[in-house]
N, C-alpha and C. Protein backbone atom coordinates (compact mmCIF):
# COMPACT_ATOMS: atom_id res chain seq x y z
N MET A 1 -41.05 -116.84 -236.84
CA MET A 1 -42.33 -116.49 -236.27
C MET A 1 -42.19 -116.02 -234.82
N TRP A 2 -41.45 -116.78 -234.02
CA TRP A 2 -41.31 -116.39 -232.62
C TRP A 2 -40.48 -115.13 -232.48
N GLN A 3 -39.58 -114.87 -233.45
CA GLN A 3 -38.80 -113.64 -233.43
C GLN A 3 -39.71 -112.42 -233.61
N ASP A 4 -40.70 -112.56 -234.47
CA ASP A 4 -41.65 -111.47 -234.68
C ASP A 4 -42.43 -111.17 -233.40
N LEU A 5 -42.83 -112.22 -232.71
CA LEU A 5 -43.55 -112.05 -231.46
C LEU A 5 -42.65 -111.39 -230.40
N LEU A 6 -41.40 -111.82 -230.34
CA LEU A 6 -40.46 -111.24 -229.39
C LEU A 6 -40.23 -109.75 -229.68
N VAL A 7 -40.06 -109.41 -230.93
CA VAL A 7 -39.88 -108.01 -231.31
C VAL A 7 -41.12 -107.19 -230.96
N ALA A 8 -42.30 -107.73 -231.20
CA ALA A 8 -43.54 -107.04 -230.87
C ALA A 8 -43.65 -106.80 -229.37
N VAL A 9 -43.27 -107.77 -228.56
CA VAL A 9 -43.32 -107.62 -227.10
C VAL A 9 -42.33 -106.55 -226.64
N VAL A 10 -41.13 -106.56 -227.18
CA VAL A 10 -40.12 -105.57 -226.80
C VAL A 10 -40.56 -104.17 -227.19
N VAL A 11 -41.10 -104.01 -228.38
CA VAL A 11 -41.57 -102.70 -228.83
C VAL A 11 -42.75 -102.23 -227.98
N ALA A 12 -43.65 -103.13 -227.63
CA ALA A 12 -44.79 -102.76 -226.79
C ALA A 12 -44.31 -102.33 -225.39
N LEU A 13 -43.35 -103.06 -224.83
CA LEU A 13 -42.82 -102.68 -223.52
C LEU A 13 -42.12 -101.32 -223.57
N ALA A 14 -41.40 -101.06 -224.64
CA ALA A 14 -40.73 -99.76 -224.80
C ALA A 14 -41.76 -98.64 -224.91
N ALA A 15 -42.84 -98.88 -225.62
CA ALA A 15 -43.89 -97.87 -225.76
C ALA A 15 -44.56 -97.61 -224.42
N VAL A 16 -44.85 -98.65 -223.66
CA VAL A 16 -45.48 -98.48 -222.35
C VAL A 16 -44.55 -97.72 -221.41
N TRP A 17 -43.26 -98.06 -221.42
CA TRP A 17 -42.31 -97.37 -220.56
C TRP A 17 -42.23 -95.89 -220.93
N THR A 18 -42.21 -95.59 -222.22
CA THR A 18 -42.12 -94.20 -222.68
C THR A 18 -43.35 -93.41 -222.23
N VAL A 19 -44.52 -93.98 -222.40
CA VAL A 19 -45.73 -93.29 -221.97
C VAL A 19 -45.71 -93.08 -220.47
N TRP A 20 -45.32 -94.10 -219.71
CA TRP A 20 -45.35 -94.03 -218.25
C TRP A 20 -44.34 -93.02 -217.71
N ARG A 21 -43.11 -93.03 -218.18
CA ARG A 21 -42.05 -92.21 -217.62
C ARG A 21 -41.92 -90.83 -218.24
N VAL A 22 -42.26 -90.69 -219.52
CA VAL A 22 -41.99 -89.44 -220.22
C VAL A 22 -43.25 -88.61 -220.42
N ILE A 23 -44.35 -89.24 -220.77
CA ILE A 23 -45.54 -88.50 -221.16
C ILE A 23 -46.46 -88.21 -219.97
N LEU A 24 -46.70 -89.19 -219.11
CA LEU A 24 -47.62 -88.99 -217.99
C LEU A 24 -46.99 -88.10 -216.91
N PRO A 25 -47.72 -87.13 -216.39
CA PRO A 25 -47.21 -86.31 -215.30
C PRO A 25 -47.05 -87.15 -214.02
N ALA A 26 -46.14 -86.74 -213.16
CA ALA A 26 -45.85 -87.49 -211.94
C ALA A 26 -47.08 -87.62 -211.05
N GLY A 27 -47.90 -86.58 -210.99
CA GLY A 27 -49.11 -86.64 -210.16
C GLY A 27 -50.08 -87.69 -210.63
N LEU A 28 -50.25 -87.81 -211.94
CA LEU A 28 -51.15 -88.82 -212.49
C LEU A 28 -50.59 -90.22 -212.27
N ARG A 29 -49.28 -90.38 -212.45
CA ARG A 29 -48.66 -91.70 -212.18
C ARG A 29 -48.88 -92.10 -210.74
N ALA A 30 -48.70 -91.15 -209.81
CA ALA A 30 -48.88 -91.46 -208.39
C ALA A 30 -50.33 -91.82 -208.10
N ARG A 31 -51.27 -91.09 -208.72
CA ARG A 31 -52.69 -91.37 -208.49
C ARG A 31 -53.05 -92.75 -209.03
N LEU A 32 -52.49 -93.13 -210.18
CA LEU A 32 -52.78 -94.45 -210.75
C LEU A 32 -52.22 -95.57 -209.89
N LEU A 33 -51.13 -95.29 -209.17
CA LEU A 33 -50.54 -96.29 -208.28
C LEU A 33 -51.13 -96.23 -206.87
N GLY A 34 -52.00 -95.25 -206.62
CA GLY A 34 -52.62 -95.14 -205.31
C GLY A 34 -51.72 -94.50 -204.27
N ARG A 35 -50.78 -93.67 -204.70
CA ARG A 35 -49.87 -93.00 -203.78
C ARG A 35 -50.17 -91.52 -203.75
N ALA A 36 -49.56 -90.84 -202.79
CA ALA A 36 -49.68 -89.38 -202.73
C ALA A 36 -48.81 -88.77 -203.81
N ALA A 37 -49.27 -87.67 -204.37
CA ALA A 37 -48.50 -86.99 -205.42
C ALA A 37 -47.23 -86.40 -204.83
N PRO A 38 -46.12 -86.47 -205.58
CA PRO A 38 -44.87 -85.89 -205.08
C PRO A 38 -44.97 -84.37 -205.00
N LYS A 39 -44.32 -83.80 -204.01
CA LYS A 39 -44.33 -82.36 -203.83
C LYS A 39 -42.99 -81.80 -204.28
N GLY A 40 -43.04 -80.87 -205.21
CA GLY A 40 -41.83 -80.24 -205.70
C GLY A 40 -41.37 -79.13 -204.76
N ALA A 41 -40.17 -78.62 -205.00
CA ALA A 41 -39.62 -77.57 -204.17
C ALA A 41 -40.40 -76.27 -204.37
N GLY A 42 -40.62 -75.88 -205.61
CA GLY A 42 -41.44 -74.74 -205.97
C GLY A 42 -41.27 -73.50 -205.09
N CYS A 43 -42.09 -72.52 -205.33
CA CYS A 43 -42.03 -71.26 -204.58
C CYS A 43 -42.88 -71.29 -203.32
N SER A 44 -43.73 -72.25 -203.18
CA SER A 44 -44.61 -72.28 -202.01
C SER A 44 -43.84 -72.48 -200.71
N GLY A 45 -42.63 -72.98 -200.80
CA GLY A 45 -41.82 -73.18 -199.61
C GLY A 45 -41.15 -71.90 -199.15
N GLY A 46 -41.31 -70.83 -199.89
CA GLY A 46 -40.71 -69.56 -199.50
C GLY A 46 -39.21 -69.52 -199.71
N CYS A 47 -38.77 -69.80 -200.91
CA CYS A 47 -37.33 -69.81 -201.15
C CYS A 47 -36.77 -68.40 -200.95
N LYS A 48 -35.57 -68.34 -200.46
CA LYS A 48 -34.95 -67.04 -200.14
C LYS A 48 -33.56 -66.96 -200.75
N GLY A 49 -33.38 -66.93 -201.96
CA GLY A 49 -32.02 -66.81 -202.46
C GLY A 49 -32.00 -66.75 -203.96
N CYS A 50 -33.13 -66.95 -204.58
CA CYS A 50 -33.14 -66.90 -206.03
C CYS A 50 -33.65 -65.58 -206.56
N GLY A 51 -34.01 -64.65 -205.69
CA GLY A 51 -34.47 -63.34 -206.13
C GLY A 51 -33.39 -62.30 -205.88
N PRO A 52 -33.76 -61.03 -205.86
CA PRO A 52 -32.78 -59.97 -205.59
C PRO A 52 -32.22 -60.10 -204.18
N ALA A 53 -31.03 -59.61 -204.01
CA ALA A 53 -30.36 -59.70 -202.71
C ALA A 53 -31.21 -59.03 -201.62
N GLY A 54 -31.41 -59.75 -200.56
CA GLY A 54 -32.19 -59.20 -199.45
C GLY A 54 -33.62 -59.68 -199.43
N GLY A 55 -34.39 -59.49 -200.49
CA GLY A 55 -35.81 -59.87 -200.51
C GLY A 55 -35.99 -61.33 -200.91
N GLY A 56 -35.57 -61.65 -202.09
CA GLY A 56 -35.55 -63.02 -202.58
C GLY A 56 -36.84 -63.78 -202.53
N SER A 57 -37.93 -63.23 -203.04
CA SER A 57 -39.17 -63.99 -203.00
C SER A 57 -39.54 -64.59 -204.34
N SER A 58 -38.76 -64.32 -205.37
CA SER A 58 -39.08 -64.89 -206.67
C SER A 58 -38.26 -66.15 -206.93
N CYS A 59 -38.91 -67.13 -207.53
CA CYS A 59 -38.24 -68.38 -207.84
C CYS A 59 -38.15 -68.53 -209.34
N HIS A 60 -37.29 -69.38 -209.79
CA HIS A 60 -37.16 -69.64 -211.22
C HIS A 60 -37.59 -71.01 -211.54
């Protein structure tokens, strides 16, 4: 009986971890924790090296 309960707890914790780390976006996780959303590198920083030589305004 207690083994069934232990297995249920482990499976529930695994499901919660999967939803939290894999399914929820980082911005939503941060908002739920009351923190500022993480800022990615993205193109808004004006990257200069991933586009054509010389101009380089496009990011991947």
